[in-house]
Amino acid sequence: MGRLTERVGRRGEYFVASILAQVSDTVLIVPHGAEADIVFEYKRKLYKCQVKTKTKKEKGHRKWRFDLRRGSHTKKRHFRKGALDLYAMCSLEYKNVIFLPFVPGKNEVRISDEEMKSIDSLESLRESIKSLAD
């Protein structure tokens, strides 16, 4: 992974951490190479979050496409069950995050530009955590 790609990923992790810090006193960015990027506490429960960051939509696409697999430099690209609780889809362009529950084996997610632009990041977090409890 190139330095620019790593920098974009780190920017997303710190941005997501700043959103989580609004609802949690415990937000930890995990060292590079771990399965989860961030561990945080919400309502007395710990959650593991993988951050996926984009600076902009892909050229020629109407939707934001996020690859949910591990980096291409790893042999096992899928996250194992129990490794994560949530994904955080981070748009640096709009400074927004959409949180989604982890689904084993899912490779990608596509999000409309309008939804990415207008999402309430904290409400997205609350809804995703609530769906984990269901």
C-alpha atoms as a PDB file:
ATOM      1  CA  MET A   1       0.000   0.000   0.000  1.00  0.00           C
ATOM      2  CA  GLY A   2       1.394   3.401  -0.966  1.00  0.00           C
ATOM      3  CA  ARG A   3       1.936   6.256   1.424  1.00  0.00           C
ATOM      4  CA  LEU A   4      -0.908   8.298  -0.074  1.00  0.00           C
ATOM      5  CA  THR A   5      -3.349   5.390   0.316  1.00  0.00           C
ATOM      6  CA  GLU A   6      -2.246   4.868   3.913  1.00  0.00           C
ATOM      7  CA  ARG A   7      -2.636   8.572   4.622  1.00  0.00           C
ATOM      8  CA  VAL A   8      -6.190   8.588   3.229  1.00  0.00           C
ATOM      9  CA  GLY A   9      -7.013   5.542   5.368  1.00  0.00           C
ATOM     10  CA  ARG A  10      -5.592   7.166   8.494  1.00  0.00           C
ATOM     11  CA  ARG A  11      -7.513  10.388   7.812  1.00  0.00           C
ATOM     12  CA  GLY A  12     -10.701   8.342   7.681  1.00  0.00           C
ATOM     13  CA  GLU A  13      -9.872   6.502  10.898  1.00  0.00           C
ATOM     14  CA  TYR A  14      -9.241   9.738  12.790  1.00  0.00           C
ATOM     15  CA  PHE A  15     -12.373  11.311  11.349  1.00  0.00           C
ATOM     16  CA  VAL A  16     -14.508   8.318  12.381  1.00  0.00           C
ATOM     17  CA  ALA A  17     -12.863   8.382  15.836  1.00  0.00           C
ATOM     18  CA  SER A  18     -13.859  12.049  16.201  1.00  0.00           C
ATOM     19  CA  ILE A  19     -17.494  11.132  15.483  1.00  0.00           C
ATOM     20  CA  LEU A  20     -17.398   8.212  17.928  1.00  0.00           C
ATOM     21  CA  ALA A  21     -15.867  10.473  20.591  1.00  0.00           C
ATOM     22  CA  GLN A  22     -19.133  12.433  20.598  1.00  0.00           C
ATOM     23  CA  VAL A  23     -20.916   9.428  22.146  1.00  0.00           C
ATOM     24  CA  SER A  24     -18.086   7.486  23.792  1.00  0.00           C
ATOM     25  CA  ASP A  25     -15.356   8.211  26.317  1.00  0.00           C
ATOM     26  CA  THR A  26     -13.421   5.173  25.077  1.00  0.00           C
ATOM     27  CA  VAL A  27     -12.283   5.338  21.447  1.00  0.00           C
ATOM     28  CA  LEU A  28      -9.070   3.556  20.489  1.00  0.00           C
ATOM     29  CA  ILE A  29      -7.426   3.532  17.072  1.00  0.00           C
ATOM     30  CA  VAL A  30      -5.850   0.108  16.720  1.00  0.00           C
ATOM     31  CA  PRO A  31      -2.317  -0.275  15.280  1.00  0.00           C
ATOM     32  CA  HIS A  32      -1.976  -0.962  11.562  1.00  0.00           C
ATOM     33  CA  GLY A  33      -2.382  -4.624  10.602  1.00  0.00           C
ATOM     34  CA  ALA A  34      -5.141  -5.532  13.066  1.00  0.00           C
ATOM     35  CA  GLU A  35      -8.547  -6.598  11.727  1.00  0.00           C
ATOM     36  CA  ALA A  36     -10.448  -3.760  13.403  1.00  0.00           C
ATOM     37  CA  ASP A  37      -9.336  -0.164  12.933  1.00  0.00           C
ATOM     38  CA  ILE A  38     -11.162   1.260  15.952  1.00  0.00           C
ATOM     39  CA  VAL A  39     -12.456  -0.160  19.210  1.00  0.00           C
ATOM     40  CA  PHE A  40     -14.999   1.927  21.092  1.00  0.00           C
ATOM     41  CA  GLU A  41     -17.445   1.667  23.963  1.00  0.00           C
ATOM     42  CA  TYR A  42     -21.122   2.508  23.542  1.00  0.00           C
ATOM     43  CA  LYS A  43     -23.635   2.044  26.334  1.00  0.00           C
ATOM     44  CA  ARG A  44     -21.192  -0.128  28.314  1.00  0.00           C
ATOM     45  CA  LYS A  45     -20.408  -2.483  25.439  1.00  0.00           C
ATOM     46  CA  LEU A  46     -17.234  -2.649  23.349  1.00  0.00           C
ATOM     47  CA  TYR A  47     -17.502  -2.627  19.551  1.00  0.00           C
ATOM     48  CA  LYS A  48     -14.927  -3.323  16.823  1.00  0.00           C
ATOM     49  CA  CYS A  49     -15.120  -1.145  13.738  1.00  0.00           C
ATOM     50  CA  GLN A  50     -13.444  -1.376  10.323  1.00  0.00           C
ATOM     51  CA  VAL A  51     -13.155   1.978   8.533  1.00  0.00           C
ATOM     52  CA  LYS A  52     -13.397   2.212   4.742  1.00  0.00           C
ATOM     53  CA  THR A  53     -12.434   5.632   3.395  1.00  0.00           C
ATOM     54  CA  LYS A  54     -12.946   7.309   0.026  1.00  0.00           C
ATOM     55  CA  THR A  55     -11.918  10.800  -1.013  1.00  0.00           C
ATOM     56  CA  LYS A  56     -14.532  10.891  -3.828  1.00  0.00           C
ATOM     57  CA  LYS A  57     -16.812   8.709  -5.938  1.00  0.00           C
ATOM     58  CA  GLU A  58     -15.164   6.644  -8.629  1.00  0.00           C
ATOM     59  CA  LYS A  59     -15.107   8.372 -11.988  1.00  0.00           C
ATOM     60  CA  GLY A  60     -18.134   7.488 -14.104  1.00  0.00           C
ATOM     61  CA  HIS A  61     -20.159   6.035 -11.192  1.00  0.00           C
ATOM     62  CA  ARG A  62     -23.297   7.493  -9.636  1.00  0.00           C
ATOM     63  CA  LYS A  63     -22.780   5.658  -6.348  1.00  0.00           C
ATOM     64  CA  TRP A  64     -20.031   5.412  -3.777  1.00  0.00           C
ATOM     65  CA  ARG A  65     -18.519   1.913  -3.900  1.00  0.00           C
ATOM     66  CA  PHE A  66     -16.752   0.600  -0.819  1.00  0.00           C
ATOM     67  CA  ASP A  67     -14.773  -2.657  -0.909  1.00  0.00           C
ATOM     68  CA  LEU A  68     -15.469  -4.444   2.381  1.00  0.00           C
ATOM     69  CA  ARG A  69     -12.606  -6.916   2.119  1.00  0.00           C
ATOM     70  CA  ARG A  70      -9.238  -6.677   3.790  1.00  0.00           C
ATOM     71  CA  GLY A  71      -6.379  -5.039   1.918  1.00  0.00           C
ATOM     72  CA  SER A  72      -5.062  -6.596  -1.273  1.00  0.00           C
ATOM     73  CA  HIS A  73      -1.709  -7.341   0.393  1.00  0.00           C
ATOM     74  CA  THR A  74      -3.269  -9.988   2.659  1.00  0.00           C
ATOM     75  CA  LYS A  75      -3.818 -13.618   1.660  1.00  0.00           C
ATOM     76  CA  LYS A  76      -7.177 -13.957   3.421  1.00  0.00           C
ATOM     77  CA  ARG A  77      -9.203 -10.990   2.217  1.00  0.00           C
ATOM     78  CA  HIS A  78     -12.436 -11.693   4.110  1.00  0.00           C
ATOM     79  CA  PHE A  79     -12.870 -10.784   7.753  1.00  0.00           C
ATOM     80  CA  ARG A  80     -13.689 -13.758   9.947  1.00  0.00           C
ATOM     81  CA  LYS A  81     -16.940 -13.926  11.877  1.00  0.00           C
ATOM     82  CA  GLY A  82     -16.590 -12.142  15.207  1.00  0.00           C
ATOM     83  CA  ALA A  83     -13.648 -10.017  14.052  1.00  0.00           C
ATOM     84  CA  LEU A  84     -15.830  -6.933  13.515  1.00  0.00           C
ATOM     85  CA  ASP A  85     -19.136  -5.493  14.622  1.00  0.00           C
ATOM     86  CA  LEU A  86     -19.445  -2.507  12.298  1.00  0.00           C
ATOM     87  CA  TYR A  87     -18.143  -0.944   9.134  1.00  0.00           C
ATOM     88  CA  ALA A  88     -17.753   2.823   8.885  1.00  0.00           C
ATOM     89  CA  MET A  89     -18.007   4.089   5.278  1.00  0.00           C
ATOM     90  CA  CYS A  90     -16.219   7.422   5.379  1.00  0.00           C
ATOM     91  CA  SER A  91     -16.543  10.126   2.702  1.00  0.00           C
ATOM     92  CA  LEU A  92     -13.789  12.693   3.090  1.00  0.00           C
ATOM     93  CA  GLU A  93     -15.413  14.797   0.348  1.00  0.00           C
ATOM     94  CA  TYR A  94     -18.660  15.245   2.313  1.00  0.00           C
ATOM     95  CA  LYS A  95     -17.160  14.706   5.783  1.00  0.00           C
ATOM     96  CA  ASN A  96     -19.808  12.092   6.533  1.00  0.00           C
ATOM     97  CA  VAL A  97     -19.828   8.512   7.758  1.00  0.00           C
ATOM     98  CA  ILE A  98     -22.378   5.775   7.207  1.00  0.00           C
ATOM     99  CA  PHE A  99     -22.152   2.960   9.749  1.00  0.00           C
ATOM    100  CA  LEU A 100     -23.296  -0.519   8.730  1.00  0.00           C
ATOM    101  CA  PRO A 101     -23.390  -3.784  10.684  1.00  0.00           C
ATOM    102  CA  PHE A 102     -20.749  -6.348   9.741  1.00  0.00           C
ATOM    103  CA  VAL A 103     -22.012  -9.137   7.461  1.00  0.00           C
ATOM    104  CA  PRO A 104     -19.566 -12.044   6.969  1.00  0.00           C
ATOM    105  CA  GLY A 105     -18.655 -12.697   3.337  1.00  0.00           C
ATOM    106  CA  LYS A 106     -20.071  -9.457   1.956  1.00  0.00           C
ATOM    107  CA  ASN A 107     -17.594  -7.979  -0.547  1.00  0.00           C
ATOM    108  CA  GLU A 108     -18.850  -4.476  -1.216  1.00  0.00           C
ATOM    109  CA  VAL A 109     -21.510  -1.900  -0.562  1.00  0.00           C
ATOM    110  CA  ARG A 110     -22.809   0.841  -2.859  1.00  0.00           C
ATOM    111  CA  ILE A 111     -24.268   4.036  -1.444  1.00  0.00           C
ATOM    112  CA  SER A 112     -26.084   6.701  -3.416  1.00  0.00           C
ATOM    113  CA  ASP A 113     -24.407  10.080  -3.626  1.00  0.00           C
ATOM    114  CA  GLU A 114     -27.471  11.760  -2.114  1.00  0.00           C
ATOM    115  CA  GLU A 115     -27.463   9.422   0.904  1.00  0.00           C
ATOM    116  CA  MET A 116     -23.699   9.859   1.411  1.00  0.00           C
ATOM    117  CA  LYS A 117     -24.083  13.630   1.251  1.00  0.00           C
ATOM    118  CA  SER A 118     -27.067  13.928   3.592  1.00  0.00           C
ATOM    119  CA  ILE A 119     -26.548  11.177   6.185  1.00  0.00           C
ATOM    120  CA  ASP A 120     -26.586  12.021   9.883  1.00  0.00           C
ATOM    121  CA  SER A 121     -23.488  10.087  10.988  1.00  0.00           C
ATOM    122  CA  LEU A 122     -24.509   9.773  14.657  1.00  0.00           C
ATOM    123  CA  GLU A 123     -27.987   8.555  13.752  1.00  0.00           C
ATOM    124  CA  SER A 124     -26.422   6.043  11.368  1.00  0.00           C
ATOM    125  CA  LEU A 125     -24.236   4.783  14.234  1.00  0.00           C
ATOM    126  CA  ARG A 126     -27.204   4.435  16.588  1.00  0.00           C
ATOM    127  CA  GLU A 127     -29.296   2.581  13.997  1.00  0.00           C
ATOM    128  CA  SER A 128     -26.474   0.171  13.169  1.00  0.00           C
ATOM    129  CA  ILE A 129     -25.806  -0.643  16.806  1.00  0.00           C
ATOM    130  CA  LYS A 130     -29.525  -1.115  17.398  1.00  0.00           C
ATOM    131  CA  SER A 131     -29.688  -3.580  14.492  1.00  0.00           C
ATOM    132  CA  LEU A 132     -26.885  -5.611  16.097  1.00  0.00           C
ATOM    133  CA  ALA A 133     -29.043  -6.091  19.186  1.00  0.00           C
ATOM    134  CA  ASP A 134     -32.067  -7.249  17.152  1.00  0.00           C
END
